[in-house]
């Protein structure tokens, strides 16, 4: 089901042009040095087809909420999702948005030195100047008040957000926002889900931090529940 993403009206990156690419459930906002619609659509179609064909032969890959072992010769998007899921002890579909954003973004780097791909709150970034990513956290008083500053030397990277109170993402928890930074967008996406699953209220933010510390490959994590925040790792919070 298509979900209008009105926040995109306010999403900009100085010096870059933005455009959307939509195919079935995949809905990307892309920012690059020029319009790369045809290249982006071809990339989305390629990875969607690979994933769909794999799921056709392995339906449990799409359904399971636990890690799923895949063949060494499985498509890259499948392997990336399975690897991230194993590290975070979640199902591989928890990494699908981040994995898609990252693979499409890497393809577009052949045509643009800077690329940002946003996929429903999950982002891949390769930038040449400092950028900021605003945090939407539903009814939390911190929502749209803060942003994460991203240094270009720390990119390419993934910045992915999961919420138990906003949107249609599946979560066992009730965090308003769990934002994760990692060199791998697939890992950031899966980790945001795993961390968010244990945050039920402000008293379990620390439990989420402990989960984050056990996942190798994360650069920084921000957890928001109501008016409280938990932070671990390298992550710079600035006011909006």
Protein backbone atom coordinates (compact mmCIF):
# COMPACT_ATOMS: atom_id res chain seq x y z
CA UNK A 1 0.00 0.00 0.00
CA UNK A 2 1.35 3.42 -0.99
CA UNK A 3 2.01 5.72 1.94
CA UNK A 4 2.43 9.43 1.18
CA UNK A 5 5.64 10.69 2.74
CA UNK A 6 4.94 14.38 3.32
CA UNK A 7 8.19 14.88 5.22
CA UNK A 8 9.97 14.64 1.89
CA UNK A 9 8.65 18.10 0.99
CA UNK A 10 11.06 19.47 3.60
CA UNK A 11 13.96 17.18 2.74
CA UNK A 12 16.78 18.92 0.90
CA UNK A 13 20.54 18.75 0.53
CA UNK A 14 22.31 21.89 -0.65
CA UNK A 15 23.93 21.42 -4.06
CA UNK A 16 22.02 18.23 -4.84
CA UNK A 17 18.82 17.63 -6.80
CA UNK A 18 16.16 15.27 -5.50
CA UNK A 19 13.84 12.85 -7.25
CA UNK A 20 11.71 9.84 -6.35
CA UNK A 21 11.80 6.32 -7.71
CA UNK A 22 8.83 4.06 -6.95
CA UNK A 23 8.41 0.45 -7.99
CA UNK A 24 5.83 -1.69 -6.17
CA UNK A 25 6.63 -1.47 -2.42
CA UNK A 26 9.99 0.21 -3.01
CA UNK A 27 9.70 4.00 -2.63
CA UNK A 28 12.99 5.89 -2.68
CA UNK A 29 13.87 9.57 -2.37
CA UNK A 30 17.25 10.12 -3.99
CA UNK A 31 19.51 13.16 -3.89
CA UNK A 32 22.45 13.38 -6.27
CA UNK A 33 24.38 15.84 -8.41
CA UNK A 34 21.92 15.30 -11.26
CA UNK A 35 18.69 13.46 -12.02
CA UNK A 36 19.52 9.77 -12.36
CA UNK A 37 16.00 8.40 -12.59
CA UNK A 38 16.62 5.82 -15.31
CA UNK A 39 19.76 4.48 -13.64
CA UNK A 40 18.06 4.34 -10.24
CA UNK A 41 14.96 2.58 -11.60
CA UNK A 42 17.11 -0.01 -13.36
CA UNK A 43 18.99 -0.61 -10.12
CA UNK A 44 15.80 -0.95 -8.05
CA UNK A 45 14.29 -3.33 -10.61
CA UNK A 46 17.43 -5.48 -10.62
CA UNK A 47 17.59 -5.93 -6.86
CA UNK A 48 13.83 -6.36 -6.46
CA UNK A 49 13.83 -9.13 -9.07
CA UNK A 50 16.75 -10.88 -7.38
CA UNK A 51 15.02 -10.74 -4.01
CA UNK A 52 11.63 -11.79 -5.35
CA UNK A 53 13.09 -14.78 -7.19
CA UNK A 54 14.96 -15.91 -4.07
CA UNK A 55 11.83 -15.61 -1.92
CA UNK A 56 9.85 -17.57 -4.49
CA UNK A 57 12.18 -20.52 -3.94
CA UNK A 58 12.72 -19.80 -0.21
CA UNK A 59 9.45 -18.38 1.21
CA UNK A 60 10.65 -18.76 4.81
CA UNK A 61 13.26 -16.07 4.13
CA UNK A 62 10.45 -13.51 4.00
CA UNK A 63 8.45 -14.88 6.94
CA UNK A 64 10.99 -15.76 9.62
CA UNK A 65 11.71 -13.44 12.55
CA UNK A 66 15.03 -15.15 13.21
CA UNK A 67 18.26 -15.38 11.15
CA UNK A 68 18.10 -17.42 7.96
CA UNK A 69 21.06 -19.19 6.39
CA UNK A 70 21.47 -18.54 2.66
CA UNK A 71 23.77 -20.09 0.02
CA UNK A 72 27.12 -18.45 -0.72
CA UNK A 73 25.96 -17.90 -4.30
CA UNK A 74 22.72 -16.16 -3.30
CA UNK A 75 22.20 -12.64 -4.76
CA UNK A 76 24.09 -9.85 -3.00
CA UNK A 77 20.97 -8.22 -1.56
CA UNK A 78 19.97 -11.57 -0.04
CA UNK A 79 23.44 -12.18 1.40
CA UNK A 80 23.62 -8.66 2.83
CA UNK A 81 20.25 -9.04 4.52
CA UNK A 82 21.09 -12.48 5.91
CA UNK A 83 24.46 -11.30 7.23
CA UNK A 84 22.92 -8.29 8.98
CA UNK A 85 20.11 -10.41 10.43
CA UNK A 86 22.58 -12.93 11.85
CA UNK A 87 24.57 -10.20 13.61
CA UNK A 88 21.43 -8.70 15.11
CA UNK A 89 19.49 -11.95 15.76
CA UNK A 90 16.44 -10.83 13.78
CA UNK A 91 14.74 -11.94 10.58
CA UNK A 92 16.39 -10.90 7.29
CA UNK A 93 13.45 -8.73 6.18
CA UNK A 94 14.39 -6.37 9.02
CA UNK A 95 17.29 -5.32 6.81
CA UNK A 96 15.54 -5.03 3.45
CA UNK A 97 15.04 -1.24 3.32
CA UNK A 98 18.61 -0.48 4.33
CA UNK A 99 20.02 -3.10 1.99
CA UNK A 100 18.05 -1.71 -0.97
CA UNK A 101 19.05 1.88 -0.21
CA UNK A 102 22.71 0.94 0.04
CA UNK A 103 22.91 -1.15 -3.13
CA UNK A 104 21.04 1.42 -5.22
CA UNK A 105 23.18 4.20 -3.75
CA UNK A 106 26.41 2.38 -4.54
CA UNK A 107 25.26 1.85 -8.13
CA UNK A 108 24.54 5.58 -8.49
CA UNK A 109 28.01 6.53 -7.27
CA UNK A 110 29.17 5.63 -10.78
CA UNK A 111 27.36 8.78 -11.97
CA UNK A 112 27.49 11.15 -8.99
CA UNK A 113 30.16 11.81 -6.36
CA UNK A 114 27.49 12.51 -3.75
CA UNK A 115 24.45 10.29 -3.28
CA UNK A 116 21.78 10.13 -0.58
CA UNK A 117 19.09 7.45 -0.79
CA UNK A 118 16.18 7.53 1.67
CA UNK A 119 13.94 4.49 1.93
CA UNK A 120 11.22 5.06 4.52
CA UNK A 121 13.54 6.41 7.20
CA UNK A 122 16.48 4.22 6.23
CA UNK A 123 19.28 6.11 4.52
CA UNK A 124 22.46 5.46 2.56
CA UNK A 125 24.81 8.45 2.33
CA UNK A 126 28.02 9.24 0.47
CA UNK A 127 28.63 12.96 0.90
CA UNK A 128 31.38 15.51 0.34
CA UNK A 129 30.19 18.09 2.86
CA UNK A 130 28.68 17.95 6.34
CA UNK A 131 24.99 17.07 6.27
CA UNK A 132 22.33 16.67 8.94
CA UNK A 133 19.59 14.07 9.26
CA UNK A 134 16.52 15.25 11.15
CA UNK A 135 14.88 12.85 13.62
CA UNK A 136 11.13 12.28 13.54
CA UNK A 137 10.01 10.52 16.73
CA UNK A 138 6.23 10.66 16.64
CA UNK A 139 4.66 12.25 19.71
CA UNK A 140 7.94 12.60 21.60
CA UNK A 141 8.68 16.25 22.49
CA UNK A 142 12.10 15.66 20.93
CA UNK A 143 10.56 14.88 17.53
CA UNK A 144 11.76 17.25 14.77
CA UNK A 145 13.78 19.18 17.35
CA UNK A 146 17.11 17.45 16.87
CA UNK A 147 19.26 16.10 14.06
CA UNK A 148 22.29 13.87 13.62
CA UNK A 149 25.27 15.59 11.98
CA UNK A 150 27.13 13.40 9.50
CA UNK A 151 30.79 14.12 8.67
CA UNK A 152 31.70 13.29 5.06
CA UNK A 153 34.81 11.42 6.17
CA UNK A 154 32.54 8.92 7.93
CA UNK A 155 30.73 8.07 4.69
CA UNK A 156 29.62 6.02 2.86
CA UNK A 157 27.39 4.88 5.68
CA UNK A 158 23.87 3.92 6.61
CA UNK A 159 21.65 5.91 8.99
CA UNK A 160 18.54 3.87 9.72
CA UNK A 161 15.58 4.46 12.02
CA UNK A 162 13.04 2.09 13.54
CA UNK A 163 9.99 3.01 15.61
CA UNK A 164 7.43 1.10 17.60
CA UNK A 165 5.01 4.05 17.62
CA UNK A 166 5.36 5.53 14.11
CA UNK A 167 4.71 4.03 10.68
CA UNK A 168 4.18 0.42 9.63
CA UNK A 169 7.53 -1.09 10.60
CA UNK A 170 7.19 -4.28 12.64
CA UNK A 171 8.53 -3.93 16.19
CA UNK A 172 8.01 -5.73 19.49
CA UNK A 173 8.94 -2.51 21.29
CA UNK A 174 7.51 0.95 21.83
CA UNK A 175 10.49 3.23 21.18
CA UNK A 176 9.57 6.51 19.48
CA UNK A 177 12.79 6.27 17.47
CA UNK A 178 15.92 4.15 17.36
CA UNK A 179 18.48 5.61 14.99
CA UNK A 180 21.60 3.60 14.12
CA UNK A 181 24.71 4.57 12.15
CA UNK A 182 26.89 1.93 10.53
CA UNK A 183 29.14 1.53 7.52
CA UNK A 184 26.52 -1.02 6.38
CA UNK A 185 23.00 0.31 5.85
CA UNK A 186 21.66 -3.25 5.98
CA UNK A 187 23.26 -3.72 9.40
CA UNK A 188 22.01 -0.33 10.62
CA UNK A 189 18.48 -1.27 9.57
CA UNK A 190 18.51 -4.68 11.25
CA UNK A 191 20.16 -3.26 14.37
CA UNK A 192 17.54 -0.52 14.71
CA UNK A 193 14.87 -3.23 14.75
CA UNK A 194 16.74 -5.42 17.25
CA UNK A 195 17.38 -2.51 19.62
CA UNK A 196 13.86 -1.15 19.28
CA UNK A 197 12.38 -4.55 20.14
CA UNK A 198 13.54 -4.27 23.77
CA UNK A 199 12.57 -0.65 24.45
CA UNK A 200 9.13 -0.54 26.07
CA UNK A 201 9.39 2.65 28.15
CA UNK A 202 11.98 5.11 29.44
CA UNK A 203 13.15 2.54 32.01
CA UNK A 204 14.22 0.12 29.25
CA UNK A 205 16.29 2.60 27.21
CA UNK A 206 19.38 1.26 28.97
CA UNK A 207 18.39 -2.26 27.93
CA UNK A 208 18.38 -1.05 24.35
CA UNK A 209 21.85 0.43 24.83
CA UNK A 210 23.12 -2.92 26.11
CA UNK A 211 21.75 -4.67 23.01
CA UNK A 212 23.46 -2.06 20.82
CA UNK A 213 26.81 -2.64 22.52
CA UNK A 214 26.68 -6.34 21.64
CA UNK A 215 26.23 -5.77 17.89
CA UNK A 216 29.55 -5.48 16.10
CA UNK A 217 29.85 -2.88 13.36
CA UNK A 218 27.71 -0.05 14.75
CA UNK A 219 29.20 3.45 14.85
CA UNK A 220 26.56 5.15 16.95
CA UNK A 221 23.04 4.66 18.32
CA UNK A 222 20.34 7.09 19.47
CA UNK A 223 17.24 5.87 21.32
CA UNK A 224 14.27 8.16 21.96
CA UNK A 225 11.31 7.31 24.20
CA UNK A 226 8.98 10.09 25.34
CA UNK A 227 11.23 12.95 26.55
CA UNK A 228 14.31 10.79 27.21
CA UNK A 229 17.29 9.86 25.06
CA UNK A 230 19.96 7.19 25.23
CA UNK A 231 23.16 7.52 23.22
CA UNK A 232 26.11 5.21 22.65
CA UNK A 233 29.06 5.40 20.27
CA UNK A 234 30.11 8.14 17.88
CA UNK A 235 27.04 10.23 17.16
CA UNK A 236 26.75 14.02 17.09
CA UNK A 237 23.34 15.44 18.04
CA UNK A 238 22.55 19.02 17.03
CA UNK A 239 19.40 21.17 17.41
CA UNK A 240 17.15 21.73 14.41
